[in-house]
């Protein structure tokens, strides 16, 4: 006899997190998602222009390193905004908001293409670029940047 109430209680406790997800309205969440998507789109436009342009020339290795660090920072920021948009979207059950938030994940391929191009540009400056190590660095930095860009509740 005590098993049925215990099983019901356990089911309710396990279901609570699932019910808690998606509790906000689309009207609440959409502006938050849009904020991150606007930033991601601006960064994606920047990357498109870098990918279309010739490799920039710099007078010194230090200038090249500064340029590379700036581009890596932008990749980190792009990834953070894309991920944060998805985190925000998961707070609503609205499929349209979730679909819109997921769409920019395609932009992450652009980040890989950018690193490949920058690797070629590095060689022209007499430097080498370990794309795998750079990608790991980016992935390590994304959570911290995500915390910095998250909108207050």
Protein backbone atom coordinates (compact mmCIF):
# COMPACT_ATOMS: atom_id res chain seq x y z
CA UNK A 1 0.00 0.00 0.00
CA UNK A 2 2.78 2.47 0.74
CA UNK A 3 4.41 1.80 -2.61
CA UNK A 4 1.70 3.54 -4.67
CA UNK A 5 1.90 6.89 -2.81
CA UNK A 6 5.69 6.66 -2.76
CA UNK A 7 5.77 5.96 -6.50
CA UNK A 8 3.40 8.88 -7.15
CA UNK A 9 5.56 11.20 -5.05
CA UNK A 10 8.71 10.06 -6.82
CA UNK A 11 7.09 10.59 -10.22
CA UNK A 12 6.01 14.10 -9.22
CA UNK A 13 9.49 14.99 -7.96
CA UNK A 14 11.13 13.70 -11.13
CA UNK A 15 8.62 15.53 -13.33
CA UNK A 16 9.11 18.90 -11.61
CA UNK A 17 12.30 19.88 -13.50
CA UNK A 18 10.63 18.95 -16.77
CA UNK A 19 7.65 21.12 -15.91
CA UNK A 20 9.89 23.96 -14.77
CA UNK A 21 11.52 24.09 -18.20
CA UNK A 22 9.41 26.12 -20.56
CA UNK A 23 7.49 28.04 -17.93
CA UNK A 24 8.05 31.51 -19.40
CA UNK A 25 5.88 32.95 -22.13
CA UNK A 26 7.20 33.49 -25.64
CA UNK A 27 6.62 37.24 -25.17
CA UNK A 28 8.97 37.20 -22.17
CA UNK A 29 11.68 35.14 -23.81
CA UNK A 30 11.71 36.38 -27.41
CA UNK A 31 13.32 39.80 -26.68
CA UNK A 32 16.07 38.06 -24.71
CA UNK A 33 16.71 35.60 -27.54
CA UNK A 34 16.60 38.41 -30.11
CA UNK A 35 19.21 40.38 -28.15
CA UNK A 36 21.70 37.55 -28.44
CA UNK A 37 20.81 36.81 -32.05
CA UNK A 38 21.39 40.45 -33.06
CA UNK A 39 24.90 40.28 -31.60
CA UNK A 40 25.56 36.92 -33.25
CA UNK A 41 24.39 38.24 -36.61
CA UNK A 42 26.64 41.30 -36.38
CA UNK A 43 29.61 39.06 -35.61
CA UNK A 44 28.68 36.72 -38.47
CA UNK A 45 28.63 39.69 -40.87
CA UNK A 46 32.10 40.64 -39.66
CA UNK A 47 33.35 37.09 -40.25
CA UNK A 48 31.81 37.04 -43.73
CA UNK A 49 33.76 40.19 -44.61
CA UNK A 50 36.99 38.71 -43.22
CA UNK A 51 36.43 35.50 -45.18
CA UNK A 52 35.78 37.44 -48.39
CA UNK A 53 38.79 39.75 -48.01
CA UNK A 54 42.45 39.09 -48.61
CA UNK A 55 44.65 38.33 -45.65
CA UNK A 56 45.53 41.55 -43.85
CA UNK A 57 49.17 42.60 -43.79
CA UNK A 58 50.95 43.71 -40.66
CA UNK A 59 54.36 45.27 -40.11
CA UNK A 60 55.23 43.12 -37.10
CA UNK A 61 54.49 39.80 -35.48
CA UNK A 62 53.04 41.70 -32.53
CA UNK A 63 50.49 43.42 -34.74
CA UNK A 64 49.55 40.06 -36.26
CA UNK A 65 49.15 38.54 -32.80
CA UNK A 66 46.90 41.43 -31.75
CA UNK A 67 44.75 40.98 -34.84
CA UNK A 68 44.52 37.22 -34.29
CA UNK A 69 43.57 37.69 -30.62
CA UNK A 70 40.82 40.10 -31.65
CA UNK A 71 39.37 37.63 -34.16
CA UNK A 72 39.53 34.79 -31.64
CA UNK A 73 37.73 37.01 -29.13
CA UNK A 74 35.00 37.60 -31.69
CA UNK A 75 34.64 33.84 -32.26
CA UNK A 76 34.29 33.34 -28.50
CA UNK A 77 31.67 36.07 -28.37
CA UNK A 78 29.75 34.61 -31.32
CA UNK A 79 29.65 31.20 -29.70
CA UNK A 80 28.62 32.67 -26.36
CA UNK A 81 25.73 34.60 -27.88
CA UNK A 82 24.53 31.60 -29.89
CA UNK A 83 24.63 29.37 -26.82
CA UNK A 84 23.00 31.97 -24.59
CA UNK A 85 20.18 32.46 -27.09
CA UNK A 86 19.49 28.73 -26.89
CA UNK A 87 19.59 28.75 -23.08
CA UNK A 88 17.06 31.58 -23.05
CA UNK A 89 14.86 29.80 -25.60
CA UNK A 90 14.73 26.66 -23.48
CA UNK A 91 12.89 28.61 -20.78
CA UNK A 92 9.76 28.63 -22.93
CA UNK A 93 7.80 25.85 -24.50
CA UNK A 94 7.20 27.94 -27.63
CA UNK A 95 8.53 26.02 -30.62
CA UNK A 96 8.89 29.13 -32.78
CA UNK A 97 11.18 30.84 -30.26
CA UNK A 98 13.24 27.67 -29.93
CA UNK A 99 13.51 27.28 -33.71
CA UNK A 100 14.67 30.88 -34.12
CA UNK A 101 17.25 30.46 -31.36
CA UNK A 102 18.64 27.26 -32.86
CA UNK A 103 19.04 28.58 -36.42
CA UNK A 104 22.27 30.57 -35.84
CA UNK A 105 24.13 27.44 -34.79
CA UNK A 106 24.94 27.11 -38.50
CA UNK A 107 27.15 30.16 -38.01
CA UNK A 108 29.57 28.07 -36.00
CA UNK A 109 30.74 26.50 -39.28
CA UNK A 110 31.72 30.00 -40.30
CA UNK A 111 33.97 30.18 -37.23
CA UNK A 112 35.77 27.00 -38.34
CA UNK A 113 36.23 28.47 -41.82
CA UNK A 114 37.60 31.64 -40.27
CA UNK A 115 40.20 29.70 -38.29
CA UNK A 116 41.26 27.87 -41.44
CA UNK A 117 41.68 31.17 -43.27
CA UNK A 118 43.58 32.71 -40.35
CA UNK A 119 45.89 29.71 -40.38
CA UNK A 120 46.76 30.48 -43.99
CA UNK A 121 47.20 34.15 -43.15
CA UNK A 122 49.51 33.24 -40.27
CA UNK A 123 51.78 31.35 -42.64
CA UNK A 124 52.09 34.48 -44.77
CA UNK A 125 53.31 36.29 -41.67
CA UNK A 126 55.87 33.58 -40.93
CA UNK A 127 53.84 32.22 -38.04
CA UNK A 128 52.01 28.99 -37.51
CA UNK A 129 48.56 28.47 -36.12
CA UNK A 130 47.48 25.27 -34.41
CA UNK A 131 43.78 25.31 -35.25
CA UNK A 132 42.93 22.47 -32.87
CA UNK A 133 44.65 24.14 -29.92
CA UNK A 134 43.03 27.45 -30.82
CA UNK A 135 39.60 25.82 -31.02
CA UNK A 136 40.11 24.26 -27.57
CA UNK A 137 41.08 27.68 -26.21
CA UNK A 138 37.90 29.14 -27.68
CA UNK A 139 35.74 26.39 -26.18
CA UNK A 140 37.31 26.95 -22.74
CA UNK A 141 36.58 30.69 -22.91
CA UNK A 142 32.96 30.45 -24.06
CA UNK A 143 31.36 29.60 -20.67
CA UNK A 144 33.01 32.59 -18.97
CA UNK A 145 31.97 34.91 -21.77
CA UNK A 146 28.46 33.46 -21.67
CA UNK A 147 28.22 34.34 -18.00
CA UNK A 148 29.35 37.88 -18.80
CA UNK A 149 26.79 38.46 -21.57
CA UNK A 150 23.81 36.79 -19.91
CA UNK A 151 21.00 39.24 -19.37
CA UNK A 152 19.86 39.79 -15.78
CA UNK A 153 16.69 37.94 -14.85
